Amino acid sequence: LPSFDSLITDSKMQSILKSRWSECIKCIEADAPLAAIVMMGGILEAILLARVNHTVDKSPIFKSSYAPTDKTTGKVQQLKEWTLRNYIDVAHDLKWISQSTKDIDETLRDYRNYVHPYKEFSHGIKIEKSDAELFWQITGSIIKQILIVK
């Protein structure tokens, strides 16, 4: 279990993340790989948002060419409108994560989207416990990389 203290000072949020971490492990052990992968994506998104919130000068975040913009106004969307993809792209642009981490994050995000039954059906994908175990190892490494505040 990583220590989220470097980014998250709120004890309630730390508790939630620790609980989610434990729940991911339980999902893997119970052979519920899709549930585990969905949880991993949620944790990853929370850690990326925490990194954004921890950043004192947020101007590079919102000036990133990868920051999502409103199609009507052209202004950068509020953080509550961002998706995991947006966080991943901006995190890479700001060098919080490496290219290989970005690529793996995108794969995790894509697998998380198999929560939609039609996507799973149309792609013919069956997620196995071994997939969740692999993603779990990778998720831990990614989170450790994001937790390193530079």
Protein backbone atom coordinates (compact mmCIF):
# COMPACT_ATOMS: atom_id res chain seq x y z
CA LEU A 1 0.00 0.00 0.00
CA PRO A 2 1.61 3.25 -1.07
CA SER A 3 1.60 6.21 1.23
CA PHE A 4 -0.63 8.88 -0.27
CA ASP A 5 0.59 11.43 2.30
CA SER A 6 2.86 13.28 -0.13
CA LEU A 7 -0.15 14.46 -2.17
CA ILE A 8 -3.19 14.05 0.04
CA THR A 9 -3.34 15.60 3.47
CA ASP A 10 -7.05 15.05 4.07
CA SER A 11 -7.35 11.99 6.34
CA LYS A 12 -10.81 11.10 5.05
CA MET A 13 -9.58 10.98 1.44
CA GLN A 14 -6.54 8.96 2.51
CA SER A 15 -8.89 6.52 4.22
CA ILE A 16 -11.06 6.24 1.11
CA LEU A 17 -8.04 5.52 -1.09
CA LYS A 18 -6.73 2.92 1.34
CA SER A 19 -10.14 1.29 1.35
CA ARG A 20 -10.27 1.28 -2.45
CA TRP A 21 -6.78 -0.20 -2.54
CA SER A 22 -7.91 -3.04 -0.28
CA GLU A 23 -11.07 -3.50 -2.33
CA CYS A 24 -9.01 -3.90 -5.50
CA ILE A 25 -7.06 -6.69 -3.85
CA LYS A 26 -10.30 -8.35 -2.73
CA CYS A 27 -11.72 -8.13 -6.27
CA ILE A 28 -8.62 -9.79 -7.70
CA GLU A 29 -8.66 -12.52 -5.06
CA ALA A 30 -12.39 -13.12 -5.67
CA ASP A 31 -11.74 -13.49 -9.43
CA ALA A 32 -13.66 -10.31 -10.25
CA PRO A 33 -11.10 -8.88 -12.70
CA LEU A 34 -13.31 -6.29 -14.39
CA ALA A 35 -14.38 -4.88 -11.03
CA ALA A 36 -10.72 -4.72 -10.00
CA ILE A 37 -9.71 -2.91 -13.18
CA VAL A 38 -12.56 -0.41 -12.81
CA MET A 39 -11.37 0.27 -9.25
CA MET A 40 -7.77 0.69 -10.44
CA GLY A 41 -8.85 3.32 -12.97
CA GLY A 42 -10.72 5.18 -10.25
CA ILE A 43 -7.73 5.17 -7.93
CA LEU A 44 -5.46 6.32 -10.73
CA GLU A 45 -7.80 9.18 -11.59
CA ALA A 46 -7.96 10.21 -7.92
CA ILE A 47 -4.17 10.23 -7.63
CA LEU A 48 -3.79 12.29 -10.79
CA LEU A 49 -6.37 14.79 -9.52
CA ALA A 50 -4.54 14.91 -6.19
CA ARG A 51 -1.33 15.69 -8.05
CA VAL A 52 -3.10 18.53 -9.86
CA ASN A 53 -4.55 19.86 -6.60
CA HIS A 54 -1.16 19.58 -4.87
CA THR A 55 0.51 21.70 -7.55
CA VAL A 56 0.84 25.27 -6.32
CA ASP A 57 1.22 26.92 -9.73
CA LYS A 58 -1.54 25.32 -11.76
CA SER A 59 -0.99 27.50 -14.83
CA PRO A 60 1.13 24.87 -16.67
CA ILE A 61 -1.67 22.36 -16.12
CA PHE A 62 -4.32 24.58 -17.64
CA LYS A 63 -1.98 25.86 -20.37
CA SER A 64 -1.08 22.35 -21.49
CA SER A 65 -2.13 21.73 -25.06
CA TYR A 66 -3.69 18.52 -23.73
CA ALA A 67 -5.97 20.25 -21.23
CA PRO A 68 -9.55 19.64 -22.43
CA THR A 69 -11.41 22.65 -23.74
CA ASP A 70 -15.06 23.47 -24.02
CA LYS A 71 -16.04 23.15 -27.69
CA THR A 72 -18.28 26.21 -27.49
CA THR A 73 -16.12 28.69 -25.57
CA GLY A 74 -12.65 27.29 -26.26
CA LYS A 75 -11.83 27.70 -22.57
CA VAL A 76 -10.20 24.93 -20.55
CA GLN A 77 -12.81 22.83 -18.79
CA GLN A 78 -13.12 22.76 -15.03
CA LEU A 79 -11.36 19.80 -13.40
CA LYS A 80 -14.67 18.13 -12.57
CA GLU A 81 -15.23 17.79 -16.34
CA TRP A 82 -11.88 16.12 -17.02
CA THR A 83 -11.68 12.42 -17.80
CA LEU A 84 -8.96 9.92 -16.99
CA ARG A 85 -7.65 10.40 -20.54
CA ASN A 86 -7.26 14.15 -19.94
CA TYR A 87 -5.39 13.62 -16.68
CA ILE A 88 -3.08 11.07 -18.30
CA ASP A 89 -2.31 13.30 -21.28
CA VAL A 90 -1.59 16.36 -19.15
CA ALA A 91 0.46 14.33 -16.65
CA HIS A 92 2.63 13.11 -19.50
CA ASP A 93 2.90 16.58 -21.02
CA LEU A 94 4.12 17.93 -17.67
CA LYS A 95 6.56 15.01 -17.33
CA TRP A 96 4.89 13.60 -14.23
CA ILE A 97 4.77 10.26 -16.01
CA SER A 98 6.95 8.75 -18.72
CA GLN A 99 5.86 7.82 -22.24
CA SER A 100 5.70 4.13 -21.37
CA THR A 101 3.60 4.92 -18.29
CA LYS A 102 1.26 7.01 -20.43
CA ASP A 103 0.88 4.14 -22.88
CA ILE A 104 0.13 1.67 -20.08
CA ASP A 105 -2.28 4.12 -18.45
CA GLU A 106 -4.17 4.36 -21.72
CA THR A 107 -4.41 0.58 -21.91
CA LEU A 108 -5.71 0.44 -18.34
CA ARG A 109 -8.23 3.14 -19.23
CA ASP A 110 -9.34 1.18 -22.29
CA TYR A 111 -9.81 -1.98 -20.21
CA ARG A 112 -11.70 -0.04 -17.58
CA ASN A 113 -14.14 0.96 -20.30
CA TYR A 114 -15.11 -2.69 -20.73
CA VAL A 115 -17.46 -1.94 -17.86
CA HIS A 116 -19.81 -1.13 -20.74
CA PRO A 117 -21.22 -4.53 -21.81
CA TYR A 118 -21.61 -3.63 -25.47
CA LYS A 119 -17.95 -2.62 -25.72
CA GLU A 120 -16.91 -5.98 -24.28
CA PHE A 121 -19.32 -7.78 -26.64
CA SER A 122 -18.29 -5.86 -29.76
CA HIS A 123 -14.56 -6.26 -29.07
CA GLY A 124 -14.85 -9.92 -28.09
CA ILE A 125 -12.71 -9.37 -25.00
CA LYS A 126 -12.84 -11.58 -21.93
CA ILE A 127 -10.94 -10.14 -19.01
CA GLU A 128 -9.17 -12.77 -16.94
CA LYS A 129 -7.87 -12.75 -13.40
CA SER A 130 -4.32 -12.76 -14.78
CA ASP A 131 -5.11 -9.51 -16.64
CA ALA A 132 -6.22 -7.86 -13.41
CA GLU A 133 -3.12 -9.15 -11.60
CA LEU A 134 -0.88 -7.68 -14.29
CA PHE A 135 -2.70 -4.34 -14.25
CA TRP A 136 -2.51 -4.32 -10.44
CA GLN A 137 1.29 -4.56 -10.49
CA ILE A 138 1.46 -1.85 -13.12
CA THR A 139 -1.04 0.38 -11.30
CA GLY A 140 1.09 0.25 -8.16
CA SER A 141 4.16 1.31 -10.12
CA ILE A 142 2.30 4.10 -11.89
CA ILE A 143 0.93 5.48 -8.65
CA LYS A 144 4.38 5.47 -7.08
CA GLN A 145 5.65 7.46 -10.06
CA ILE A 146 2.84 10.03 -9.69
CA LEU A 147 3.38 10.31 -5.94
CA ILE A 148 6.94 11.55 -6.47
CA VAL A 149 6.46 15.28 -6.21
CA LYS A 150 9.15 17.23 -8.03
